C-alpha atoms as a PDB file:
ATOM      1  CA  MET A   1     -54.088 186.775 -74.151  1.00  0.00           C
ATOM      2  CA  GLY A   2     -56.744 189.693 -74.090  1.00  0.00           C
ATOM      3  CA  LEU A   3     -59.619 187.135 -73.463  1.00  0.00           C
ATOM      4  CA  ILE A   4     -57.819 185.738 -70.572  1.00  0.00           C
ATOM      5  CA  VAL A   5     -57.164 189.018 -68.926  1.00  0.00           C
ATOM      6  CA  LEU A   6     -60.931 189.975 -69.557  1.00  0.00           C
ATOM      7  CA  ALA A   7     -62.086 186.795 -68.028  1.00  0.00           C
ATOM      8  CA  CYS A   8     -59.972 186.960 -64.904  1.00  0.00           C
ATOM      9  CA  ALA A   9     -60.925 190.591 -64.567  1.00  0.00           C
ATOM     10  CA  TYR A  10     -64.566 189.952 -64.850  1.00  0.00           C
ATOM     11  CA  GLU A  11     -64.459 187.092 -62.369  1.00  0.00           C
ATOM     12  CA  ALA A  12     -62.590 189.254 -59.769  1.00  0.00           C
ATOM     13  CA  TYR A  13     -64.883 192.190 -60.387  1.00  0.00           C
ATOM     14  CA  ALA A  14     -68.230 190.213 -60.411  1.00  0.00           C
ATOM     15  CA  HIS A  15     -67.884 189.179 -56.751  1.00  0.00           C
ATOM     16  CA  GLU A  16     -67.343 191.282 -53.700  1.00  0.00           C
ATOM     17  CA  THR A  17     -65.573 188.316 -52.084  1.00  0.00           C
ATOM     18  CA  ILE A  18     -63.246 188.074 -55.103  1.00  0.00           C
ATOM     19  CA  ARG A  19     -63.768 184.299 -55.055  1.00  0.00           C
ATOM     20  CA  PHE A  20     -61.487 183.859 -58.201  1.00  0.00           C
ATOM     21  CA  LEU A  21     -58.485 184.997 -56.255  1.00  0.00           C
ATOM     22  CA  THR A  22     -58.674 182.824 -53.110  1.00  0.00           C
ATOM     23  CA  THR A  23     -56.197 180.246 -52.572  1.00  0.00           C
ATOM     24  CA  SER A  24     -58.813 177.418 -52.709  1.00  0.00           C
ATOM     25  CA  ASN A  25     -60.089 178.554 -56.069  1.00  0.00           C
ATOM     26  CA  ILE A  26     -56.575 178.771 -57.464  1.00  0.00           C
ATOM     27  CA  ARG A  27     -55.778 175.366 -56.030  1.00  0.00           C
ATOM     28  CA  ASN A  28     -58.878 174.003 -57.958  1.00  0.00           C
ATOM     29  CA  ILE A  29     -57.844 175.635 -61.267  1.00  0.00           C
ATOM     30  CA  LEU A  30     -53.996 175.133 -61.529  1.00  0.00           C
ATOM     31  CA  PRO A  31     -54.412 171.135 -61.727  1.00  0.00           C
ATOM     32  CA  LEU A  32     -56.972 171.612 -64.560  1.00  0.00           C
ATOM     33  CA  ILE A  33     -54.758 173.843 -66.356  1.00  0.00           C
ATOM     34  CA  GLY A  34     -52.010 171.254 -65.970  1.00  0.00           C
ATOM     35  CA  PHE A  35     -54.263 168.586 -67.589  1.00  0.00           C
ATOM     36  CA  PHE A  36     -55.686 170.429 -70.360  1.00  0.00           C
ATOM     37  CA  GLY A  37     -52.347 172.191 -71.080  1.00  0.00           C
ATOM     38  CA  ILE A  38     -50.511 168.924 -71.559  1.00  0.00           C
ATOM     39  CA  LEU A  39     -53.266 167.849 -73.817  1.00  0.00           C
ATOM     40  CA  SER A  40     -53.256 170.987 -75.771  1.00  0.00           C
ATOM     41  CA  LEU A  41     -49.422 171.026 -76.048  1.00  0.00           C
ATOM     42  CA  GLY A  42     -49.665 167.505 -77.691  1.00  0.00           C
ATOM     43  CA  GLN A  43     -52.645 168.753 -80.013  1.00  0.00           C
ATOM     44  CA  ALA A  44     -50.520 171.709 -81.043  1.00  0.00           C
ATOM     45  CA  LEU A  45     -47.742 169.612 -82.490  1.00  0.00           C
ATOM     46  CA  VAL A  46     -50.337 168.037 -84.968  1.00  0.00           C
ATOM     47  CA  ILE A  47     -52.252 171.088 -85.854  1.00  0.00           C
ATOM     48  CA  ILE A  48     -48.937 173.074 -86.575  1.00  0.00           C
ATOM     49  CA  THR A  49     -48.185 170.195 -89.208  1.00  0.00           C
ATOM     50  CA  GLY A  50     -51.716 170.933 -90.721  1.00  0.00           C
ATOM     51  CA  GLY A  51     -53.502 167.874 -89.252  1.00  0.00           C
ATOM     52  CA  ILE A  52     -55.654 167.212 -86.212  1.00  0.00           C
ATOM     53  CA  ASP A  53     -56.201 164.414 -83.648  1.00  0.00           C
ATOM     54  CA  LEU A  54     -59.866 163.688 -82.610  1.00  0.00           C
ATOM     55  CA  SER A  55     -58.908 160.702 -80.739  1.00  0.00           C
ATOM     56  CA  VAL A  56     -57.200 162.346 -77.679  1.00  0.00           C
ATOM     57  CA  GLY A  57     -60.130 161.751 -75.282  1.00  0.00           C
ATOM     58  CA  SER A  58     -60.456 158.157 -76.245  1.00  0.00           C
ATOM     59  CA  VAL A  59     -56.677 157.556 -75.697  1.00  0.00           C
ATOM     60  CA  VAL A  60     -57.063 159.225 -72.251  1.00  0.00           C
ATOM     61  CA  ALA A  61     -59.609 156.749 -71.415  1.00  0.00           C
ATOM     62  CA  LEU A  62     -57.750 153.924 -72.802  1.00  0.00           C
ATOM     63  CA  VAL A  63     -54.524 154.663 -71.126  1.00  0.00           C
ATOM     64  CA  GLY A  64     -56.038 155.628 -67.643  1.00  0.00           C
ATOM     65  CA  ILE A  65     -58.339 152.595 -67.393  1.00  0.00           C
ATOM     66  CA  THR A  66     -55.652 150.178 -68.614  1.00  0.00           C
ATOM     67  CA  THR A  67     -53.257 151.531 -66.232  1.00  0.00           C
ATOM     68  CA  ALA A  68     -55.926 150.868 -63.470  1.00  0.00           C
ATOM     69  CA  ILE A  69     -56.604 147.348 -64.765  1.00  0.00           C
ATOM     70  CA  LEU A  70     -52.954 146.505 -64.688  1.00  0.00           C
ATOM     71  CA  LEU A  71     -52.243 148.008 -61.339  1.00  0.00           C
ATOM     72  CA  ARG A  72     -55.159 146.657 -59.265  1.00  0.00           C
ATOM     73  CA  GLY A  73     -56.366 143.726 -61.391  1.00  0.00           C
ATOM     74  CA  ALA A  74     -53.028 142.192 -62.620  1.00  0.00           C
ATOM     75  CA  GLY A  75     -51.041 143.369 -59.767  1.00  0.00           C
ATOM     76  CA  TRP A  76     -48.208 144.927 -62.014  1.00  0.00           C
ATOM     77  CA  HIS A  77     -45.652 147.300 -60.515  1.00  0.00           C
ATOM     78  CA  PRO A  78     -46.526 150.958 -61.089  1.00  0.00           C
ATOM     79  CA  VAL A  79     -43.404 151.821 -63.060  1.00  0.00           C
ATOM     80  CA  VAL A  80     -43.858 148.833 -65.619  1.00  0.00           C
ATOM     81  CA  ALA A  81     -47.601 149.562 -65.832  1.00  0.00           C
ATOM     82  CA  ILE A  82     -47.051 153.156 -66.591  1.00  0.00           C
ATOM     83  CA  SER A  83     -44.263 152.627 -69.036  1.00  0.00           C
ATOM     84  CA  LEU A  84     -46.222 150.079 -70.952  1.00  0.00           C
ATOM     85  CA  THR A  85     -49.351 152.351 -71.193  1.00  0.00           C
ATOM     86  CA  LEU A  86     -47.315 155.396 -72.307  1.00  0.00           C
ATOM     87  CA  CYS A  87     -45.536 153.300 -74.972  1.00  0.00           C
ATOM     88  CA  MET A  88     -49.062 152.123 -76.056  1.00  0.00           C
ATOM     89  CA  ALA A  89     -50.000 155.762 -76.371  1.00  0.00           C
ATOM     90  CA  ALA A  90     -47.068 156.705 -78.261  1.00  0.00           C
ATOM     91  CA  THR A  91     -47.599 153.603 -80.591  1.00  0.00           C
ATOM     92  CA  ILE A  92     -51.211 154.760 -81.118  1.00  0.00           C
ATOM     93  CA  GLY A  93     -49.954 158.127 -82.294  1.00  0.00           C
ATOM     94  CA  ALA A  94     -47.307 156.564 -84.436  1.00  0.00           C
ATOM     95  CA  TRP A  95     -50.024 154.355 -86.212  1.00  0.00           C
ATOM     96  CA  HIS A  96     -52.016 157.497 -86.971  1.00  0.00           C
ATOM     97  CA  GLY A  97     -48.878 159.188 -88.547  1.00  0.00           C
ATOM     98  CA  LEU A  98     -48.292 156.151 -90.551  1.00  0.00           C
ATOM     99  CA  LEU A  99     -51.938 156.188 -91.874  1.00  0.00           C
ATOM    100  CA  VAL A 100     -51.767 159.773 -92.706  1.00  0.00           C
ATOM    101  CA  THR A 101     -48.295 159.799 -94.407  1.00  0.00           C
ATOM    102  CA  LYS A 102     -48.062 156.227 -96.088  1.00  0.00           C
ATOM    103  CA  ALA A 103     -51.721 155.319 -96.726  1.00  0.00           C
ATOM    104  CA  ARG A 104     -52.400 159.110 -97.583  1.00  0.00           C
ATOM    105  CA  MET A 105     -55.601 159.145 -95.429  1.00  0.00           C
ATOM    106  CA  GLN A 106     -56.999 162.272 -94.142  1.00  0.00           C
ATOM    107  CA  PRO A 107     -55.934 163.184 -90.387  1.00  0.00           C
ATOM    108  CA  PHE A 108     -59.683 163.781 -89.710  1.00  0.00           C
ATOM    109  CA  VAL A 109     -60.827 160.427 -90.751  1.00  0.00           C
ATOM    110  CA  VAL A 110     -58.067 158.473 -89.342  1.00  0.00           C
ATOM    111  CA  THR A 111     -58.377 159.971 -85.718  1.00  0.00           C
ATOM    112  CA  LEU A 112     -62.239 160.111 -85.945  1.00  0.00           C
ATOM    113  CA  CYS A 113     -62.010 156.284 -86.465  1.00  0.00           C
ATOM    114  CA  GLY A 114     -59.661 156.111 -83.460  1.00  0.00           C
ATOM    115  CA  LEU A 115     -61.967 157.951 -81.434  1.00  0.00           C
ATOM    116  CA  PHE A 116     -64.706 155.376 -81.783  1.00  0.00           C
ATOM    117  CA  PHE A 117     -62.242 152.483 -81.827  1.00  0.00           C
ATOM    118  CA  TYR A 118     -60.577 153.063 -78.543  1.00  0.00           C
ATOM    119  CA  ARG A 119     -63.624 154.118 -76.794  1.00  0.00           C
ATOM    120  CA  GLY A 120     -65.331 150.949 -77.888  1.00  0.00           C
ATOM    121  CA  LEU A 121     -62.092 149.020 -76.898  1.00  0.00           C
ATOM    122  CA  VAL A 122     -62.218 150.500 -73.308  1.00  0.00           C
ATOM    123  CA  ARG A 123     -65.949 149.510 -72.859  1.00  0.00           C
ATOM    124  CA  LEU A 124     -65.263 146.008 -74.076  1.00  0.00           C
ATOM    125  CA  MET A 125     -62.302 145.516 -71.784  1.00  0.00           C
ATOM    126  CA  THR A 126     -64.214 146.721 -68.744  1.00  0.00           C
ATOM    127  CA  LYS A 127     -67.799 145.494 -69.767  1.00  0.00           C
ATOM    128  CA  ASP A 128     -68.764 149.234 -68.925  1.00  0.00           C
ATOM    129  CA  ALA A 129     -67.743 148.697 -65.198  1.00  0.00           C
ATOM    130  CA  THR A 130     -65.937 151.618 -63.637  1.00  0.00           C
ATOM    131  CA  ARG A 131     -62.270 151.125 -62.576  1.00  0.00           C
ATOM    132  CA  GLY A 132     -60.029 153.137 -60.279  1.00  0.00           C
ATOM    133  CA  PHE A 133     -56.906 152.930 -58.212  1.00  0.00           C
ATOM    134  CA  GLY A 134     -58.428 152.888 -54.806  1.00  0.00           C
ATOM    135  CA  ASN A 135     -56.157 154.040 -51.877  1.00  0.00           C
ATOM    136  CA  GLN A 136     -53.148 151.762 -52.617  1.00  0.00           C
ATOM    137  CA  PHE A 137     -51.027 154.216 -54.458  1.00  0.00           C
ATOM    138  CA  PRO A 138     -50.668 157.525 -52.740  1.00  0.00           C
ATOM    139  CA  THR A 139     -47.600 158.609 -54.884  1.00  0.00           C
ATOM    140  CA  LEU A 140     -49.642 158.237 -58.024  1.00  0.00           C
ATOM    141  CA  LYS A 141     -52.464 160.173 -56.317  1.00  0.00           C
ATOM    142  CA  TRP A 142     -49.947 162.907 -55.308  1.00  0.00           C
ATOM    143  CA  LEU A 143     -48.986 163.168 -59.036  1.00  0.00           C
ATOM    144  CA  GLY A 144     -52.385 163.884 -60.162  1.00  0.00           C
ATOM    145  CA  SER A 145     -53.774 165.990 -57.199  1.00  0.00           C
ATOM    146  CA  GLY A 146     -50.767 166.936 -54.997  1.00  0.00           C
ATOM    147  CA  PHE A 147     -49.117 170.241 -54.293  1.00  0.00           C
ATOM    148  CA  ILE A 148     -45.522 171.409 -53.736  1.00  0.00           C
ATOM    149  CA  PRO A 149     -44.925 171.699 -50.895  1.00  0.00           C
ATOM    150  CA  ASP A 150     -47.475 169.164 -49.668  1.00  0.00           C
ATOM    151  CA  ILE A 151     -49.302 171.524 -47.234  1.00  0.00           C
ATOM    152  CA  ASP A 152     -52.814 172.919 -47.132  1.00  0.00           C
ATOM    153  CA  ALA A 153     -51.700 176.415 -47.819  1.00  0.00           C
ATOM    154  CA  SER A 154     -49.850 175.659 -50.960  1.00  0.00           C
ATOM    155  CA  PHE A 155     -51.251 176.058 -54.454  1.00  0.00           C
ATOM    156  CA  VAL A 156     -48.428 174.993 -56.698  1.00  0.00           C
ATOM    157  CA  SER A 157     -50.022 172.068 -58.314  1.00  0.00           C
ATOM    158  CA  VAL A 158     -48.150 169.058 -59.346  1.00  0.00           C
ATOM    159  CA  PRO A 159     -49.870 168.555 -62.602  1.00  0.00           C
ATOM    160  CA  PHE A 160     -49.253 172.348 -63.418  1.00  0.00           C
ATOM    161  CA  VAL A 161     -45.542 171.950 -62.717  1.00  0.00           C
ATOM    162  CA  ILE A 162     -45.238 168.901 -65.106  1.00  0.00           C
ATOM    163  CA  MET A 163     -47.097 170.893 -67.693  1.00  0.00           C
ATOM    164  CA  LEU A 164     -44.592 173.728 -67.334  1.00  0.00           C
ATOM    165  CA  ILE A 165     -41.563 171.415 -67.700  1.00  0.00           C
ATOM    166  CA  ILE A 166     -43.065 169.872 -70.794  1.00  0.00           C
ATOM    167  CA  ALA A 167     -43.960 173.325 -72.204  1.00  0.00           C
ATOM    168  CA  VAL A 168     -40.316 174.342 -71.736  1.00  0.00           C
ATOM    169  CA  LEU A 169     -39.115 171.210 -73.360  1.00  0.00           C
ATOM    170  CA  GLU A 170     -41.496 171.521 -76.263  1.00  0.00           C
ATOM    171  CA  CYS A 171     -40.762 175.208 -76.631  1.00  0.00           C
ATOM    172  CA  ALA A 172     -36.856 174.446 -76.993  1.00  0.00           C
ATOM    173  CA  TYR A 173     -37.816 171.713 -79.437  1.00  0.00           C
ATOM    174  CA  LEU A 174     -40.269 173.637 -81.607  1.00  0.00           C
ATOM    175  CA  HIS A 175     -38.317 177.052 -81.653  1.00  0.00           C
ATOM    176  CA  PHE A 176     -34.629 176.193 -81.081  1.00  0.00           C
ATOM    177  CA  MET A 177     -34.012 172.880 -82.760  1.00  0.00           C
ATOM    178  CA  ALA A 178     -34.071 172.002 -86.498  1.00  0.00           C
ATOM    179  CA  PRO A 179     -36.568 169.016 -86.265  1.00  0.00           C
ATOM    180  CA  GLY A 180     -38.925 171.379 -84.467  1.00  0.00           C
ATOM    181  CA  ARG A 181     -38.465 174.104 -86.993  1.00  0.00           C
ATOM    182  CA  HIS A 182     -39.274 171.314 -89.744  1.00  0.00           C
ATOM    183  CA  ILE A 183     -42.725 170.958 -88.200  1.00  0.00           C
ATOM    184  CA  PHE A 184     -43.571 174.669 -88.932  1.00  0.00           C
ATOM    185  CA  ALA A 185     -42.119 174.278 -92.406  1.00  0.00           C
ATOM    186  CA  VAL A 186     -44.277 171.155 -93.114  1.00  0.00           C
ATOM    187  CA  GLY A 187     -47.425 172.953 -91.909  1.00  0.00           C
ATOM    188  CA  ALA A 188     -46.808 176.184 -93.890  1.00  0.00           C
ATOM    189  CA  SER A 189     -46.144 174.297 -97.265  1.00  0.00           C
ATOM    190  CA  GLU A 190     -45.619 170.586 -97.460  1.00  0.00           C
ATOM    191  CA  GLU A 191     -44.515 170.747-101.019  1.00  0.00           C
ATOM    192  CA  SER A 192     -41.901 173.397-100.495  1.00  0.00           C
ATOM    193  CA  ALA A 193     -40.662 171.329 -97.201  1.00  0.00           C
ATOM    194  CA  ARG A 194     -40.185 168.277 -99.385  1.00  0.00           C
ATOM    195  CA  PHE A 195     -38.214 170.323-102.130  1.00  0.00           C
ATOM    196  CA  SER A 196     -36.002 171.652 -99.352  1.00  0.00           C
ATOM    197  CA  GLY A 197     -35.026 168.107 -98.252  1.00  0.00           C
ATOM    198  CA  ILE A 198     -36.979 167.815 -95.151  1.00  0.00           C
ATOM    199  CA  PRO A 199     -38.245 164.301 -94.347  1.00  0.00           C
ATOM    200  CA  VAL A 200     -42.148 165.368 -94.433  1.00  0.00           C
ATOM    201  CA  ASP A 201     -43.407 161.817 -93.499  1.00  0.00           C
ATOM    202  CA  ARG A 202     -40.929 161.435 -90.656  1.00  0.00           C
ATOM    203  CA  VAL A 203     -41.754 164.878 -89.387  1.00  0.00           C
ATOM    204  CA  LYS A 204     -45.535 164.102 -89.311  1.00  0.00           C
ATOM    205  CA  ILE A 205     -45.050 160.680 -87.848  1.00  0.00           C
ATOM    206  CA  THR A 206     -43.027 162.340 -85.094  1.00  0.00           C
ATOM    207  CA  ALA A 207     -45.734 164.946 -84.443  1.00  0.00           C
ATOM    208  CA  TYR A 208     -48.540 162.263 -84.203  1.00  0.00           C
ATOM    209  CA  THR A 209     -46.317 160.042 -81.890  1.00  0.00           C
ATOM    210  CA  LEU A 210     -45.627 162.958 -79.336  1.00  0.00           C
ATOM    211  CA  CYS A 211     -49.296 163.946 -79.528  1.00  0.00           C
ATOM    212  CA  GLY A 212     -50.254 160.301 -78.551  1.00  0.00           C
ATOM    213  CA  LEU A 213     -47.473 160.279 -75.813  1.00  0.00           C
ATOM    214  CA  LEU A 214     -48.625 163.688 -74.260  1.00  0.00           C
ATOM    215  CA  SER A 215     -52.312 162.383 -74.482  1.00  0.00           C
ATOM    216  CA  GLY A 216     -51.331 159.318 -72.432  1.00  0.00           C
ATOM    217  CA  LEU A 217     -49.507 161.255 -69.924  1.00  0.00           C
ATOM    218  CA  GLY A 218     -52.277 163.840 -69.585  1.00  0.00           C
ATOM    219  CA  GLY A 219     -54.665 160.910 -69.345  1.00  0.00           C
ATOM    220  CA  LEU A 220     -52.699 159.107 -66.598  1.00  0.00           C
ATOM    221  CA  LEU A 221     -52.507 162.328 -64.539  1.00  0.00           C
ATOM    222  CA  VAL A 222     -56.189 163.005 -64.942  1.00  0.00           C
ATOM    223  CA  ALA A 223     -56.875 159.267 -63.904  1.00  0.00           C
ATOM    224  CA  PHE A 224     -54.762 159.663 -60.769  1.00  0.00           C
ATOM    225  CA  ASN A 225     -56.766 162.702 -59.809  1.00  0.00           C
ATOM    226  CA  ILE A 226     -60.211 161.363 -60.534  1.00  0.00           C
ATOM    227  CA  ASN A 227     -59.644 157.603 -59.236  1.00  0.00           C
ATOM    228  CA  SER A 228     -63.104 156.617 -60.457  1.00  0.00           C
ATOM    229  CA  LEU A 229     -62.981 156.098 -64.247  1.00  0.00           C
ATOM    230  CA  GLY A 230     -66.097 155.314 -66.225  1.00  0.00           C
ATOM    231  CA  PRO A 231     -65.272 153.798 -69.556  1.00  0.00           C
ATOM    232  CA  SER A 232     -68.258 155.509 -71.446  1.00  0.00           C
ATOM    233  CA  ASP A 233     -67.534 159.194 -70.225  1.00  0.00           C
ATOM    234  CA  PHE A 234     -64.040 159.318 -68.933  1.00  0.00           C
ATOM    235  CA  GLY A 235     -62.040 161.754 -71.318  1.00  0.00           C
ATOM    236  CA  SER A 236     -65.142 162.604 -73.210  1.00  0.00           C
ATOM    237  CA  PHE A 237     -64.755 165.952 -75.191  1.00  0.00           C
ATOM    238  CA  TYR A 238     -61.025 166.240 -74.015  1.00  0.00           C
ATOM    239  CA  GLU A 239     -60.117 166.222 -77.675  1.00  0.00           C
ATOM    240  CA  LEU A 240     -62.278 169.279 -78.361  1.00  0.00           C
ATOM    241  CA  TYR A 241     -60.785 171.071 -75.135  1.00  0.00           C
ATOM    242  CA  ALA A 242     -57.252 170.280 -76.558  1.00  0.00           C
ATOM    243  CA  ILE A 243     -58.051 171.684 -80.050  1.00  0.00           C
ATOM    244  CA  ALA A 244     -59.632 174.656 -78.443  1.00  0.00           C
ATOM    245  CA  GLY A 245     -56.530 175.435 -76.240  1.00  0.00           C
ATOM    246  CA  ALA A 246     -54.261 175.023 -79.167  1.00  0.00           C
ATOM    247  CA  VAL A 247     -56.394 177.365 -81.505  1.00  0.00           C
ATOM    248  CA  LEU A 248     -56.888 179.928 -78.915  1.00  0.00           C
ATOM    249  CA  GLY A 249     -53.085 179.843 -78.182  1.00  0.00           C
ATOM    250  CA  GLY A 250     -52.473 180.889 -81.897  1.00  0.00           C
ATOM    251  CA  CYS A 251     -52.207 177.558 -83.719  1.00  0.00           C
ATOM    252  CA  SER A 252     -53.767 177.931 -87.032  1.00  0.00           C
ATOM    253  CA  LEU A 253     -55.897 175.082 -88.336  1.00  0.00           C
ATOM    254  CA  ARG A 254     -54.290 175.535 -91.859  1.00  0.00           C
ATOM    255  CA  GLY A 255     -50.874 174.614 -90.192  1.00  0.00           C
ATOM    256  CA  GLY A 256     -47.574 176.397 -90.001  1.00  0.00           C
ATOM    257  CA  SER A 257     -48.121 178.621 -87.055  1.00  0.00           C
ATOM    258  CA  GLY A 258     -48.299 178.678 -83.167  1.00  0.00           C
ATOM    259  CA  THR A 259     -46.403 179.059 -80.088  1.00  0.00           C
ATOM    260  CA  VAL A 260     -45.916 177.044 -76.781  1.00  0.00           C
ATOM    261  CA  PRO A 261     -46.557 180.100 -74.461  1.00  0.00           C
ATOM    262  CA  GLY A 262     -49.756 180.823 -76.638  1.00  0.00           C
ATOM    263  CA  VAL A 263     -51.041 177.367 -76.259  1.00  0.00           C
ATOM    264  CA  VAL A 264     -50.516 177.526 -72.424  1.00  0.00           C
ATOM    265  CA  VAL A 265     -52.333 180.546 -72.350  1.00  0.00           C
ATOM    266  CA  GLY A 266     -55.070 179.111 -74.444  1.00  0.00           C
ATOM    267  CA  ALA A 267     -55.503 176.098 -72.220  1.00  0.00           C
ATOM    268  CA  SER A 268     -55.703 178.583 -69.131  1.00  0.00           C
ATOM    269  CA  LEU A 269     -58.451 180.393 -70.852  1.00  0.00           C
ATOM    270  CA  ILE A 270     -60.548 177.273 -71.123  1.00  0.00           C
ATOM    271  CA  VAL A 271     -60.160 176.474 -67.543  1.00  0.00           C
ATOM    272  CA  ILE A 272     -61.015 179.987 -66.440  1.00  0.00           C
ATOM    273  CA  LEU A 273     -64.056 180.073 -68.376  1.00  0.00           C
ATOM    274  CA  LYS A 274     -65.311 176.692 -67.054  1.00  0.00           C
ATOM    275  CA  ASN A 275     -64.482 178.257 -63.497  1.00  0.00           C
ATOM    276  CA  LEU A 276     -66.305 181.478 -64.569  1.00  0.00           C
ATOM    277  CA  VAL A 277     -69.505 179.350 -65.168  1.00  0.00           C
ATOM    278  CA  ASN A 278     -69.215 177.910 -61.903  1.00  0.00           C
ATOM    279  CA  ILE A 279     -68.549 180.879 -59.735  1.00  0.00           C
ATOM    280  CA  LEU A 280     -71.142 183.037 -61.537  1.00  0.00           C
ATOM    281  CA  GLN A 281     -73.694 180.146 -61.011  1.00  0.00           C
ATOM    282  CA  ILE A 282     -74.421 179.927 -64.727  1.00  0.00           C
ATOM    283  CA  PRO A 283     -76.563 176.858 -65.334  1.00  0.00           C
ATOM    284  CA  SER A 284     -74.208 174.026 -66.083  1.00  0.00           C
ATOM    285  CA  GLN A 285     -76.100 173.358 -69.228  1.00  0.00           C
ATOM    286  CA  LEU A 286     -74.691 176.512 -70.639  1.00  0.00           C
ATOM    287  CA  GLU A 287     -71.063 175.758 -69.980  1.00  0.00           C
ATOM    288  CA  TYR A 288     -70.455 174.557 -73.498  1.00  0.00           C
ATOM    289  CA  VAL A 289     -72.325 177.585 -74.828  1.00  0.00           C
ATOM    290  CA  VAL A 290     -70.032 179.982 -72.943  1.00  0.00           C
ATOM    291  CA  ILE A 291     -66.904 178.215 -74.010  1.00  0.00           C
ATOM    292  CA  GLY A 292     -68.009 177.855 -77.525  1.00  0.00           C
ATOM    293  CA  GLY A 293     -68.840 181.450 -77.709  1.00  0.00           C
ATOM    294  CA  ALA A 294     -65.565 182.672 -76.303  1.00  0.00           C
ATOM    295  CA  ILE A 295     -63.587 180.351 -78.675  1.00  0.00           C
ATOM    296  CA  LEU A 296     -65.607 181.597 -81.816  1.00  0.00           C
ATOM    297  CA  LEU A 297     -64.818 185.125 -80.607  1.00  0.00           C
ATOM    298  CA  GLY A 298     -61.119 184.516 -80.057  1.00  0.00           C
ATOM    299  CA  VAL A 299     -60.746 182.815 -83.319  1.00  0.00           C
ATOM    300  CA  PHE A 300     -62.626 185.544 -85.158  1.00  0.00           C
ATOM    301  CA  VAL A 301     -60.329 188.213 -83.580  1.00  0.00           C
ATOM    302  CA  ASP A 302     -57.392 186.542 -84.448  1.00  0.00           C
ATOM    303  CA  GLU A 303     -58.322 185.953 -87.972  1.00  0.00           C
ATOM    304  CA  MET A 304     -59.220 189.539 -88.139  1.00  0.00           C
ATOM    305  CA  PHE A 305     -55.752 190.626 -86.934  1.00  0.00           C
ATOM    306  CA  THR A 306     -53.998 188.111 -89.209  1.00  0.00           C
ATOM    307  CA  ARG A 307     -55.919 189.454 -92.355  1.00  0.00           C
ATOM    308  CA  ARG A 308     -55.073 193.007 -91.317  1.00  0.00           C
ATOM    309  CA  ALA A 309     -51.364 192.114 -91.020  1.00  0.00           C
ATOM    310  CA  ALA A 310     -51.371 190.342 -94.242  1.00  0.00           C
ATOM    311  CA  SER A 311     -52.894 193.234 -95.915  1.00  0.00           C
ATOM    312  CA  ARG A 312     -50.396 195.545 -94.563  1.00  0.00           C
ATOM    313  CA  VAL A 313     -47.637 193.359 -95.894  1.00  0.00           C
ATOM    314  CA  ARG A 314     -48.975 193.275 -99.327  1.00  0.00           C
ATOM    315  CA  THR A 315     -49.358 197.043 -99.365  1.00  0.00           C
END
């Protein structure tokens, strides 16, 4: 939270015109927070269990481009096409969970292979040709880039509102329902959770399934917003943004800890840093340097506070 406050303050202070606080800039930022927030919320579920999903970006590409092919190429009804591709994303997540739990494979290896496999599959399906939705689906375009109400002065982004709804549902699931609390228990100590009667395999499969589903949903919203989808680059690095948002939001890569509000703040920080690079006219080549440095600093500070709190408990 401190990093996001500092980033906002610096952006507002650095320019006399306070470009960061203008309505147009907020209209640009909020949809991105919505997109990356949804992906980070999905990634957080897996990280809390002690796992990781590196296939998010490729799943985004697979779902978005497959939906475009079904709608424009095959002429499917939008409801049918979207339902099918979201089920496909959830099935991919469940498959990852099965490999991790039943085949006892490492999450890093399973999802890294998925990253390559799904990206290659998309490129094969399209023969590296760009796909899109054209101007035939205004409602879908509104879901990815619209505002509530739909007027020029509004900055309440539809993707941002969708992200907030998902955040509320996930917060209720994780913090107030027994299956959600089981996710924390499995991440904290899988062996203890098993001895306590928690169905560890089912909990992990559920986490990966929900991660796949949210990756697919986020991918659809991004696809509706961009409209021109290149199979080789659409969704690239999105898995890293999702991991960064979750980690900056307080999700430990060791598992067992994290909060939904923290993940929303972490995803917001990533977007604000990207916006900072643009507003301050920092060379685009340094974008990843700035974001990587901020993430490293945030994780370092979090680790220091965690160690200090642990030492106080021991004393």
